């Protein structure tokens, strides 16, 4: 799964679970600060992502909790799919 596919899927899942229109969402948006997504909703989003893409590995929840933006989440997921090298937090 590539960056574009994973990005599109995350945007779609976030839109479905939050009610925000997908065209309003950007990868730079912060889950909590910009979208008001709490830890429970974050788990729902990650679970939905894994339901949609079963080949995604189980993610380290402590690392996922540190990720702020949707872009960081995609970078982390891609790093796990591509050999487990964690993407730097920006």
N, C-alpha and C. Protein backbone atom coordinates (compact mmCIF):
# COMPACT_ATOMS: atom_id res chain seq x y z
N UNK A 1 0.86 -1.18 0.00
CA UNK A 1 0.00 0.00 0.00
C UNK A 1 0.90 1.23 0.00
N UNK A 2 0.60 2.16 -0.88
CA UNK A 2 1.41 3.36 -1.02
C UNK A 2 0.88 4.54 -0.23
N UNK A 3 1.65 5.62 -0.27
CA UNK A 3 1.30 6.83 0.47
C UNK A 3 -0.06 7.37 0.05
N UNK A 4 -0.30 7.46 -1.26
CA UNK A 4 -1.57 8.03 -1.73
C UNK A 4 -2.77 7.20 -1.29
N UNK A 5 -2.63 5.88 -1.37
CA UNK A 5 -3.73 5.01 -0.95
C UNK A 5 -4.00 5.12 0.54
N UNK A 6 -2.93 5.11 1.32
CA UNK A 6 -3.08 5.19 2.78
C UNK A 6 -3.62 6.56 3.19
N UNK A 7 -3.15 7.60 2.53
CA UNK A 7 -3.65 8.95 2.81
C UNK A 7 -5.13 9.06 2.51
N UNK A 8 -5.53 8.58 1.34
CA UNK A 8 -6.94 8.63 0.96
C UNK A 8 -7.82 7.85 1.92
N UNK A 9 -7.33 6.69 2.34
CA UNK A 9 -8.09 5.87 3.27
C UNK A 9 -8.23 6.57 4.62
N UNK A 10 -7.15 7.14 5.13
CA UNK A 10 -7.22 7.85 6.41
C UNK A 10 -8.19 9.02 6.33
N UNK A 11 -8.11 9.79 5.26
CA UNK A 11 -9.04 10.92 5.11
C UNK A 11 -10.48 10.43 5.08
N UNK A 12 -10.73 9.35 4.38
CA UNK A 12 -12.08 8.80 4.28
C UNK A 12 -12.58 8.30 5.64
N UNK A 13 -11.72 7.58 6.37
CA UNK A 13 -12.10 7.06 7.69
C UNK A 13 -12.37 8.20 8.66
N UNK A 14 -11.49 9.21 8.68
CA UNK A 14 -11.68 10.35 9.58
C UNK A 14 -12.98 11.09 9.23
N UNK A 15 -13.24 11.27 7.94
CA UNK A 15 -14.47 11.93 7.53
C UNK A 15 -15.69 11.13 7.99
N UNK A 16 -15.66 9.81 7.78
CA UNK A 16 -16.79 8.96 8.16
C UNK A 16 -17.04 8.98 9.66
N UNK A 17 -15.97 8.93 10.46
CA UNK A 17 -16.13 8.82 11.90
C UNK A 17 -16.31 10.15 12.62
N UNK A 18 -15.97 11.24 11.97
CA UNK A 18 -16.11 12.54 12.63
C UNK A 18 -17.22 13.41 12.06
N UNK A 19 -17.63 13.12 10.83
CA UNK A 19 -18.64 13.95 10.18
C UNK A 19 -18.06 15.13 9.42
N UNK A 20 -16.75 15.33 9.49
CA UNK A 20 -16.11 16.39 8.71
C UNK A 20 -16.11 15.98 7.23
N UNK A 21 -16.41 16.92 6.33
CA UNK A 21 -16.31 16.60 4.90
C UNK A 21 -14.86 16.30 4.54
N UNK A 22 -14.63 15.25 3.74
CA UNK A 22 -13.26 14.85 3.41
C UNK A 22 -12.51 15.94 2.66
N UNK A 23 -13.22 16.75 1.88
CA UNK A 23 -12.55 17.83 1.13
C UNK A 23 -12.06 18.95 2.05
N UNK A 24 -12.53 18.97 3.28
CA UNK A 24 -12.08 19.98 4.25
C UNK A 24 -10.81 19.52 4.99
N UNK A 25 -10.57 18.22 4.99
CA UNK A 25 -9.46 17.65 5.75
C UNK A 25 -8.14 17.75 5.00
N UNK A 26 -7.07 18.03 5.74
CA UNK A 26 -5.72 18.02 5.17
C UNK A 26 -4.83 17.19 6.08
N UNK A 27 -3.73 16.74 5.52
CA UNK A 27 -2.81 15.90 6.28
C UNK A 27 -2.07 16.67 7.36
N UNK A 28 -2.05 17.99 7.28
CA UNK A 28 -1.37 18.81 8.28
C UNK A 28 -2.24 19.04 9.52
N UNK A 29 -3.52 18.70 9.43
CA UNK A 29 -4.43 18.94 10.55
C UNK A 29 -4.06 18.07 11.74
N UNK A 30 -4.15 18.69 12.92
CA UNK A 30 -3.89 17.96 14.16
C UNK A 30 -5.18 17.28 14.61
N UNK A 31 -5.05 16.03 14.99
CA UNK A 31 -6.24 15.28 15.39
C UNK A 31 -6.97 15.94 16.55
N UNK A 32 -6.25 16.27 17.60
CA UNK A 32 -6.89 16.85 18.77
C UNK A 32 -7.13 18.34 18.60
N UNK A 33 -6.10 19.08 18.24
CA UNK A 33 -6.18 20.53 18.18
C UNK A 33 -7.12 21.06 17.11
N UNK A 34 -7.06 20.48 15.91
CA UNK A 34 -7.87 20.98 14.80
C UNK A 34 -9.21 20.28 14.67
N UNK A 35 -9.23 18.99 15.00
CA UNK A 35 -10.43 18.19 14.75
C UNK A 35 -11.16 17.76 16.02
N UNK A 36 -10.56 17.99 17.18
CA UNK A 36 -11.21 17.63 18.44
C UNK A 36 -11.34 16.12 18.65
N UNK A 37 -10.42 15.35 18.05
CA UNK A 37 -10.47 13.90 18.16
C UNK A 37 -9.78 13.48 19.46
N UNK A 38 -10.53 12.80 20.32
CA UNK A 38 -9.97 12.35 21.60
C UNK A 38 -9.37 10.95 21.43
N UNK A 39 -8.84 10.42 22.52
CA UNK A 39 -8.15 9.13 22.46
C UNK A 39 -9.09 7.99 22.06
N UNK A 40 -10.32 8.04 22.47
CA UNK A 40 -11.28 6.99 22.12
C UNK A 40 -11.56 7.01 20.63
N UNK A 41 -11.79 8.18 20.08
CA UNK A 41 -12.05 8.31 18.65
C UNK A 41 -10.81 7.93 17.85
N UNK A 42 -9.63 8.23 18.38
CA UNK A 42 -8.37 7.86 17.71
C UNK A 42 -8.28 6.34 17.58
N UNK A 43 -8.65 5.62 18.64
CA UNK A 43 -8.64 4.15 18.61
C UNK A 43 -9.64 3.65 17.56
N UNK A 44 -10.80 4.28 17.49
CA UNK A 44 -11.80 3.89 16.49
C UNK A 44 -11.26 4.09 15.07
N UNK A 45 -10.55 5.19 14.85
CA UNK A 45 -9.98 5.47 13.54
C UNK A 45 -8.93 4.42 13.19
N UNK A 46 -8.04 4.12 14.11
CA UNK A 46 -6.99 3.14 13.86
C UNK A 46 -7.59 1.75 13.63
N UNK A 47 -8.62 1.40 14.38
CA UNK A 47 -9.29 0.12 14.21
C UNK A 47 -9.93 0.04 12.83
N UNK A 48 -10.57 1.11 12.41
CA UNK A 48 -11.20 1.15 11.09
C UNK A 48 -10.15 1.01 9.99
N UNK A 49 -8.99 1.64 10.18
CA UNK A 49 -7.91 1.53 9.21
C UNK A 49 -7.46 0.08 9.10
N UNK A 50 -7.31 -0.59 10.22
CA UNK A 50 -6.86 -1.99 10.19
C UNK A 50 -7.95 -2.92 9.63
N UNK A 51 -9.22 -2.56 9.82
CA UNK A 51 -10.30 -3.35 9.22
C UNK A 51 -10.25 -3.23 7.69
N UNK A 52 -9.97 -2.02 7.21
CA UNK A 52 -9.93 -1.76 5.77
C UNK A 52 -8.68 -2.36 5.11
N UNK A 53 -7.58 -2.39 5.85
CA UNK A 53 -6.31 -2.89 5.31
C UNK A 53 -5.75 -3.93 6.29
N UNK A 54 -6.22 -5.16 6.17
CA UNK A 54 -5.82 -6.20 7.12
C UNK A 54 -4.32 -6.44 7.17
N UNK A 55 -3.59 -6.12 6.11
CA UNK A 55 -2.15 -6.35 6.14
C UNK A 55 -1.38 -5.33 6.97
N UNK A 56 -2.07 -4.28 7.44
CA UNK A 56 -1.39 -3.33 8.33
C UNK A 56 -1.05 -4.06 9.63
N UNK A 57 0.16 -3.85 10.14
CA UNK A 57 0.53 -4.51 11.39
C UNK A 57 -0.16 -3.86 12.58
N UNK A 58 -0.10 -4.54 13.72
CA UNK A 58 -0.56 -3.92 14.96
C UNK A 58 0.39 -2.77 15.27
N UNK A 59 -0.16 -1.65 15.66
CA UNK A 59 0.66 -0.48 15.91
C UNK A 59 0.91 -0.30 17.40
N UNK A 60 2.08 0.23 17.71
CA UNK A 60 2.44 0.54 19.09
C UNK A 60 1.59 1.72 19.54
N UNK A 61 0.66 1.47 20.47
CA UNK A 61 -0.27 2.51 20.88
C UNK A 61 0.42 3.69 21.56
N UNK A 62 1.55 3.43 22.24
CA UNK A 62 2.26 4.54 22.88
C UNK A 62 2.88 5.46 21.83
N UNK A 63 3.34 4.89 20.72
CA UNK A 63 3.87 5.71 19.63
C UNK A 63 2.72 6.45 18.95
N UNK A 64 1.64 5.75 18.70
CA UNK A 64 0.49 6.37 18.04
C UNK A 64 -0.06 7.54 18.85
N UNK A 65 -0.01 7.44 20.16
CA UNK A 65 -0.50 8.52 21.02
C UNK A 65 0.34 9.78 20.88
N UNK A 66 1.60 9.63 20.50
CA UNK A 66 2.51 10.77 20.35
C UNK A 66 2.33 11.50 19.01
N UNK A 67 1.70 10.85 18.05
CA UNK A 67 1.54 11.44 16.72
C UNK A 67 0.44 12.48 16.77
N UNK A 68 0.73 13.64 16.23
CA UNK A 68 -0.18 14.77 16.36
C UNK A 68 -1.05 14.96 15.11
N UNK A 69 -0.42 14.91 13.94
CA UNK A 69 -1.17 15.21 12.71
C UNK A 69 -1.51 13.94 11.95
N UNK A 70 -2.46 14.07 11.03
CA UNK A 70 -2.81 12.93 10.20
C UNK A 70 -1.63 12.52 9.33
N UNK A 71 -0.84 13.46 8.89
CA UNK A 71 0.34 13.16 8.09
C UNK A 71 1.34 12.31 8.86
N UNK A 72 1.51 12.60 10.14
CA UNK A 72 2.41 11.81 10.97
C UNK A 72 1.91 10.37 11.12
N UNK A 73 0.60 10.22 11.19
CA UNK A 73 0.03 8.88 11.31
C UNK A 73 0.30 8.08 10.04
N UNK A 74 0.09 8.69 8.89
CA UNK A 74 0.37 8.01 7.62
C UNK A 74 1.85 7.66 7.53
N UNK A 75 2.73 8.59 7.88
CA UNK A 75 4.17 8.32 7.84
C UNK A 75 4.53 7.14 8.73
N UNK A 76 3.97 7.11 9.94
CA UNK A 76 4.25 6.02 10.87
C UNK A 76 3.73 4.68 10.32
N UNK A 77 2.51 4.69 9.81
CA UNK A 77 1.94 3.46 9.25
C UNK A 77 2.80 2.95 8.10
N UNK A 78 3.20 3.83 7.22
CA UNK A 78 4.04 3.43 6.09
C UNK A 78 5.37 2.88 6.57
N UNK A 79 5.94 3.49 7.61
CA UNK A 79 7.21 3.00 8.13
C UNK A 79 7.07 1.58 8.68
N UNK A 80 5.93 1.28 9.28
CA UNK A 80 5.70 -0.05 9.84
C UNK A 80 5.47 -1.08 8.73
N UNK A 81 4.78 -0.67 7.68
CA UNK A 81 4.55 -1.56 6.55
C UNK A 81 5.86 -1.81 5.80
N UNK A 82 6.73 -0.79 5.78
CA UNK A 82 7.97 -0.87 5.00
C UNK A 82 9.18 -1.21 5.84
N UNK A 83 9.02 -2.07 6.80
CA UNK A 83 10.18 -2.57 7.51
C UNK A 83 10.33 -2.14 8.95
N UNK A 84 9.36 -1.43 9.51
CA UNK A 84 9.40 -1.11 10.92
C UNK A 84 10.32 0.03 11.31
N UNK A 85 10.78 0.81 10.36
CA UNK A 85 11.62 1.96 10.70
C UNK A 85 10.69 3.12 10.97
N UNK A 86 10.69 3.60 12.20
CA UNK A 86 9.78 4.67 12.60
C UNK A 86 10.10 5.97 11.91
N UNK A 87 9.06 6.64 11.45
CA UNK A 87 9.24 7.95 10.82
C UNK A 87 9.49 8.98 11.92
N UNK A 88 10.30 9.97 11.63
CA UNK A 88 10.56 11.00 12.64
C UNK A 88 9.32 11.84 12.91
N UNK A 89 9.14 12.22 14.16
CA UNK A 89 8.04 13.11 14.53
C UNK A 89 8.42 14.53 14.12
N UNK A 90 7.50 15.21 13.47
CA UNK A 90 7.77 16.60 13.07
C UNK A 90 6.78 17.52 13.70
